[in-house]
Amino acid sequence: DKEVRAVFLRLFAQLFQGYRSCLQLIRIHSEPVIHFHKTAFLGQRGLIENDFLTKVLDGMAFAGFVSERGPPYRACDLFDELVALDFESFKEEETSSTKLQKHIRELSEQLYRNENPNPHMAFQKVPRPSEGSHLRVHQVPFPLLNDEKVEKMFQEGVAKHSITPASTRPERKCVVPAGPPVVSIMGKCGSVFNSARRLEVVKSCISFIFDNKTLETEKTLPAALRALKGKAARQCLTEELSVHVQQNRAILDHQQFDYIVRMMNCALQDCSTSEEFTVAAALLPLSTAYYR
Protein backbone atom coordinates (compact mmCIF):
# COMPACT_ATOMS: atom_id res chain seq x y z
CA ASP A 1 0.00 0.00 0.00
CA LYS A 2 2.97 2.34 0.54
CA GLU A 3 3.99 1.92 -3.11
CA VAL A 4 0.45 2.81 -4.26
CA ARG A 5 0.63 5.92 -2.08
CA ALA A 6 4.03 6.75 -3.56
CA VAL A 7 2.56 6.57 -7.09
CA PHE A 8 -0.23 8.99 -6.15
CA LEU A 9 2.26 11.26 -4.40
CA ARG A 10 4.30 11.46 -7.62
CA LEU A 11 1.17 12.06 -9.68
CA PHE A 12 0.02 15.06 -7.63
CA ALA A 13 3.57 16.40 -7.38
CA GLN A 14 3.76 16.38 -11.21
CA LEU A 15 0.27 17.90 -11.59
CA PHE A 16 0.94 20.76 -9.15
CA GLN A 17 4.60 21.33 -10.05
CA GLY A 18 5.30 25.06 -10.06
CA TYR A 19 2.08 25.91 -8.18
CA ARG A 20 3.98 28.16 -5.77
CA SER A 21 4.83 30.63 -8.56
CA CYS A 22 1.06 31.19 -9.03
CA LEU A 23 0.35 31.95 -5.35
CA GLN A 24 -0.41 35.56 -4.42
CA LEU A 25 0.11 36.50 -0.77
CA ILE A 26 -2.03 39.49 0.28
CA ARG A 27 -0.81 41.02 3.55
CA ILE A 28 -3.22 43.94 3.96
CA HIS A 29 -5.46 41.93 6.31
CA SER A 30 -4.77 41.06 9.95
CA GLU A 31 -3.97 37.55 8.71
CA PRO A 32 -2.33 37.09 5.28
CA VAL A 33 -4.74 35.88 2.58
CA ILE A 34 -3.37 33.43 0.02
CA HIS A 35 -4.89 33.43 -3.46
CA PHE A 36 -4.09 30.91 -6.19
CA HIS A 37 -4.06 32.29 -9.76
CA LYS A 38 -5.77 29.40 -11.53
CA THR A 39 -5.76 30.92 -15.03
CA ALA A 40 -2.03 31.64 -14.89
CA PHE A 41 -1.27 28.09 -13.75
CA LEU A 42 -3.41 26.40 -16.41
CA GLY A 43 -2.20 28.75 -19.15
CA GLN A 44 1.49 28.27 -18.40
CA ARG A 45 1.08 24.49 -18.16
CA GLY A 46 -0.80 24.38 -21.47
CA LEU A 47 -3.81 22.74 -19.80
CA ILE A 48 -6.51 25.39 -20.34
CA GLU A 49 -8.63 22.84 -22.23
CA ASN A 50 -8.06 20.10 -19.61
CA ASP A 51 -11.41 19.47 -17.96
CA PHE A 52 -10.04 17.20 -15.20
CA LEU A 53 -7.44 19.60 -13.81
CA THR A 54 -9.87 22.55 -14.03
CA LYS A 55 -12.35 20.63 -11.83
CA VAL A 56 -9.55 19.68 -9.42
CA LEU A 57 -8.50 23.33 -9.00
CA ASP A 58 -12.14 24.40 -8.48
CA GLY A 59 -12.71 21.85 -5.70
CA MET A 60 -12.90 22.51 -1.97
CA ALA A 61 -10.02 20.10 -1.33
CA PHE A 62 -7.68 22.25 -3.43
CA ALA A 63 -8.83 25.41 -1.60
CA GLY A 64 -7.84 23.66 1.64
CA PHE A 65 -4.55 22.63 0.04
CA VAL A 66 -3.74 26.27 -0.84
CA SER A 67 -4.61 27.62 2.62
CA GLU A 68 -2.62 24.86 4.34
CA ARG A 69 0.43 24.74 2.06
CA GLY A 70 0.44 28.31 0.78
CA PRO A 71 2.45 30.00 3.56
CA PRO A 72 6.09 30.49 2.54
CA TYR A 73 7.41 29.55 6.01
CA ARG A 74 6.16 26.32 7.56
CA ALA A 75 7.12 22.71 8.28
CA CYS A 76 8.06 20.96 5.00
CA ASP A 77 7.50 17.33 4.11
CA LEU A 78 8.03 14.76 1.37
CA PHE A 79 5.49 16.34 -0.99
CA ASP A 80 7.32 19.70 -0.90
CA GLU A 81 10.57 17.95 -1.85
CA LEU A 82 8.90 16.21 -4.80
CA VAL A 83 7.25 19.41 -6.09
CA ALA A 84 10.62 21.19 -5.93
CA LEU A 85 12.27 18.53 -8.12
CA ASP A 86 13.37 19.55 -11.58
CA PHE A 87 10.90 18.80 -14.39
CA GLU A 88 13.59 16.96 -16.37
CA SER A 89 14.13 14.40 -13.59
CA PHE A 90 10.48 13.32 -13.89
CA LYS A 91 10.90 13.08 -17.67
CA GLU A 92 13.99 10.86 -17.33
CA GLU A 93 12.21 8.52 -14.93
CA GLU A 94 9.24 8.19 -17.29
CA THR A 95 11.49 7.04 -20.13
CA SER A 96 13.32 4.50 -17.94
CA SER A 97 11.09 2.01 -16.10
CA THR A 98 13.96 0.87 -13.81
CA LYS A 99 14.56 4.44 -12.58
CA LEU A 100 10.82 4.90 -12.07
CA GLN A 101 10.49 1.68 -10.04
CA LYS A 102 13.54 2.61 -7.97
CA HIS A 103 12.15 6.08 -7.16
CA ILE A 104 8.73 4.65 -6.23
CA ARG A 105 10.42 2.09 -3.96
CA GLU A 106 12.47 4.82 -2.26
CA LEU A 107 9.35 6.93 -1.72
CA SER A 108 7.42 3.98 -0.28
CA GLU A 109 10.27 3.21 2.14
CA GLN A 110 10.33 6.84 3.24
CA LEU A 111 6.55 6.77 3.79
CA TYR A 112 6.95 3.61 5.86
CA ARG A 113 9.70 5.19 7.96
CA ASN A 114 7.54 8.26 8.58
CA GLU A 115 4.80 6.07 10.03
CA ASN A 116 7.18 3.75 11.92
CA PRO A 117 9.99 5.97 13.28
CA ASN A 118 11.09 3.34 15.89
CA PRO A 119 11.06 -0.08 14.21
CA HIS A 120 12.75 -1.86 17.15
CA MET A 121 10.21 -0.75 19.75
CA ALA A 122 9.06 -3.78 21.79
CA PHE A 123 5.39 -4.14 22.61
CA GLN A 124 4.43 -6.10 25.73
CA LYS A 125 1.95 -8.82 24.93
CA VAL A 126 -0.43 -9.80 27.77
CA PRO A 127 -1.30 -13.50 27.53
CA ARG A 128 -4.96 -14.41 27.58
CA PRO A 129 -6.08 -16.51 30.60
CA SER A 130 -6.64 -20.18 29.94
CA GLU A 131 -10.11 -21.65 29.84
CA GLY A 132 -11.59 -22.38 33.26
CA SER A 133 -8.94 -20.35 35.10
CA HIS A 134 -11.63 -18.44 37.00
CA LEU A 135 -12.96 -21.77 38.44
CA ARG A 136 -9.71 -22.61 40.21
CA VAL A 137 -10.05 -23.12 43.97
CA HIS A 138 -6.63 -21.74 44.93
CA GLN A 139 -7.17 -18.42 43.11
CA VAL A 140 -6.69 -15.42 45.41
CA PRO A 141 -9.76 -13.11 45.52
CA PHE A 142 -9.30 -9.68 43.98
CA PRO A 143 -8.56 -7.14 46.74
CA LEU A 144 -10.75 -4.09 47.38
CA LEU A 145 -9.42 -0.86 45.84
CA ASN A 146 -8.57 2.10 48.03
CA ASP A 147 -10.32 5.23 46.67
CA GLU A 148 -7.67 7.62 47.98
CA LYS A 149 -4.75 5.66 46.48
CA VAL A 150 -6.46 5.37 43.08
CA GLU A 151 -7.20 9.11 43.03
CA LYS A 152 -3.60 9.92 44.04
CA MET A 153 -2.15 7.72 41.25
CA PHE A 154 -4.59 9.23 38.77
CA GLN A 155 -3.54 12.80 39.65
CA GLU A 156 0.16 11.88 39.46
CA GLY A 157 -0.38 10.42 35.98
CA VAL A 158 -2.23 13.52 34.75
CA ALA A 159 0.51 15.82 36.12
CA LYS A 160 3.25 13.73 34.46
CA HIS A 161 1.37 13.73 31.14
CA SER A 162 0.95 17.51 31.16
CA ILE A 163 4.69 18.07 31.77
CA THR A 164 5.86 15.88 28.85
CA PRO A 165 5.93 17.51 25.40
CA ALA A 166 2.99 16.78 23.10
CA SER A 167 5.11 15.47 20.22
CA THR A 168 8.32 13.51 20.42
CA ARG A 169 9.22 14.68 16.89
CA PRO A 170 9.05 18.48 16.84
CA GLU A 171 8.28 19.98 13.43
CA ARG A 172 11.03 22.18 12.08
CA LYS A 173 9.79 25.18 10.19
CA CYS A 174 11.73 26.42 7.17
CA VAL A 175 11.31 28.41 3.96
CA VAL A 176 9.30 26.28 1.52
CA PRO A 177 11.31 25.59 -1.68
CA ALA A 178 9.65 27.26 -4.67
CA GLY A 179 10.83 24.62 -7.12
CA PRO A 180 11.19 25.08 -10.88
CA PRO A 181 8.99 27.53 -12.82
CA VAL A 182 5.74 26.29 -14.34
CA VAL A 183 6.46 24.16 -17.42
CA SER A 184 3.95 23.21 -20.07
CA ILE A 185 3.03 19.52 -19.80
CA MET A 186 1.57 19.40 -23.29
CA GLY A 187 4.46 21.22 -25.03
CA LYS A 188 3.10 23.19 -27.97
CA CYS A 189 -0.65 23.61 -27.72
CA GLY A 190 -1.35 21.92 -31.04
CA SER A 191 -4.36 19.94 -29.88
CA VAL A 192 -6.78 22.85 -30.22
CA PHE A 193 -5.95 23.59 -33.86
CA ASN A 194 -9.18 22.46 -35.46
CA SER A 195 -9.24 24.02 -38.94
CA ALA A 196 -6.15 24.14 -41.13
CA ARG A 197 -7.95 26.36 -43.67
CA ARG A 198 -8.56 29.13 -41.12
CA LEU A 199 -4.95 29.05 -40.01
CA GLU A 200 -3.81 29.24 -43.62
CA VAL A 201 -5.99 32.34 -44.15
CA VAL A 202 -4.46 34.08 -41.11
CA LYS A 203 -0.91 33.17 -42.17
CA SER A 204 -1.38 34.30 -45.78
CA CYS A 205 -2.99 37.58 -44.65
CA ILE A 206 -0.06 38.39 -42.35
CA SER A 207 2.47 37.55 -45.07
CA PHE A 208 0.57 39.85 -47.51
CA ILE A 209 0.66 42.66 -44.94
CA PHE A 210 4.43 42.38 -44.41
CA ASP A 211 5.09 42.04 -48.15
CA ASN A 212 3.07 45.27 -48.57
CA LYS A 213 0.61 43.64 -51.02
CA THR A 214 -2.34 45.91 -50.32
CA LEU A 215 -4.77 44.43 -52.84
CA GLU A 216 -4.31 40.83 -51.63
CA THR A 217 -4.47 42.01 -48.01
CA GLU A 218 -7.82 43.75 -48.60
CA LYS A 219 -9.21 40.54 -50.10
CA THR A 220 -8.08 38.20 -47.31
CA LEU A 221 -8.47 40.51 -44.28
CA PRO A 222 -12.26 40.00 -43.73
CA ALA A 223 -11.82 36.21 -43.80
CA ALA A 224 -8.82 36.46 -41.45
CA LEU A 225 -10.79 38.60 -38.98
CA ARG A 226 -13.62 36.04 -39.03
CA ALA A 227 -11.11 33.22 -38.50
CA LEU A 228 -9.75 35.01 -35.39
CA LYS A 229 -12.96 34.08 -33.56
CA GLY A 230 -11.36 30.65 -33.17
CA LYS A 231 -8.83 30.07 -30.44
CA ALA A 232 -6.39 28.24 -32.73
CA ALA A 233 -6.28 31.18 -35.15
CA ARG A 234 -5.56 33.64 -32.32
CA GLN A 235 -2.68 31.44 -31.19
CA CYS A 236 -1.45 31.30 -34.78
CA LEU A 237 -1.58 35.12 -35.04
CA THR A 238 0.71 35.57 -32.00
CA GLU A 239 3.20 33.01 -33.35
CA GLU A 240 3.32 34.57 -36.82
CA LEU A 241 3.75 38.12 -35.47
CA SER A 242 6.55 37.01 -33.11
CA VAL A 243 8.35 35.39 -36.08
CA HIS A 244 8.26 38.67 -38.01
CA VAL A 245 9.63 40.57 -34.98
CA GLN A 246 12.63 38.21 -34.94
CA GLN A 247 13.20 38.97 -38.62
CA ASN A 248 13.56 42.70 -37.78
CA ARG A 249 10.41 43.63 -39.69
CA ALA A 250 8.81 45.60 -36.87
CA ILE A 251 8.89 49.00 -38.61
CA LEU A 252 5.66 49.37 -40.62
CA ASP A 253 4.11 52.06 -42.75
CA HIS A 254 0.72 53.56 -41.82
CA GLN A 255 -1.36 51.07 -43.80
CA GLN A 256 0.52 47.99 -42.55
CA PHE A 257 0.34 49.24 -38.97
CA ASP A 258 -3.43 49.74 -39.31
CA TYR A 259 -3.94 46.16 -40.54
CA ILE A 260 -1.85 44.66 -37.72
CA VAL A 261 -3.68 46.72 -35.07
CA ARG A 262 -7.06 45.64 -36.47
CA MET A 263 -6.07 41.98 -36.27
CA MET A 264 -4.73 42.41 -32.71
CA ASN A 265 -7.92 44.18 -31.61
CA CYS A 266 -10.07 41.48 -33.15
CA ALA A 267 -8.06 38.74 -31.41
CA LEU A 268 -8.25 40.49 -28.02
CA GLN A 269 -12.00 41.15 -28.30
CA ASP A 270 -12.70 37.43 -28.75
CA CYS A 271 -10.29 36.29 -26.01
CA SER A 272 -11.83 34.50 -23.05
CA THR A 273 -10.60 34.83 -19.46
CA SER A 274 -8.79 31.51 -19.82
CA GLU A 275 -6.55 33.04 -22.53
CA GLU A 276 -5.26 35.78 -20.26
CA PHE A 277 -1.92 34.02 -19.88
CA THR A 278 -1.67 32.60 -23.40
CA VAL A 279 -2.92 34.82 -26.26
CA ALA A 280 -3.28 38.09 -24.33
CA ALA A 281 0.11 37.64 -22.63
CA ALA A 282 1.75 36.92 -26.01
CA LEU A 283 0.12 39.97 -27.65
CA LEU A 284 1.27 42.35 -24.91
CA PRO A 285 4.97 42.52 -25.94
CA LEU A 286 4.00 42.37 -29.63
CA SER A 287 1.78 45.44 -29.25
CA THR A 288 4.85 47.44 -28.13
CA ALA A 289 7.21 45.84 -30.67
CA TYR A 290 5.46 47.09 -33.83
CA TYR A 291 5.57 50.76 -34.67
CA ARG A 292 5.26 53.11 -37.65
Foldseek 3Di string as FASTA:
>chain_A
DLLVVLVVLLVVLLVCQQQLVQWDWDDPDPDIDIDGDVLQQCQQQLNLVPPVVVVVCVDPVVVVVCVVPVDQKFFDDDSLVSSQDAPVVVVVCVVPVVSVVVSSVVSSVVVVCVVVVDPPDDDDDDDDDDPPPVVDPPDDDDDDDDPVVVVVVVVVVVVVVVPDDPDPDDGDMDGRRSHDHRHHPVPDNPPQPDDPVLLVLLLVLLVCLLVVVVVVNVVSLVSNLVSLLGPNNLLSNLVNLVVVLVVVSQEHDPVSVVSNVVSLVSNVVNDDPSCCNPSVVSVVVSVVSHDD
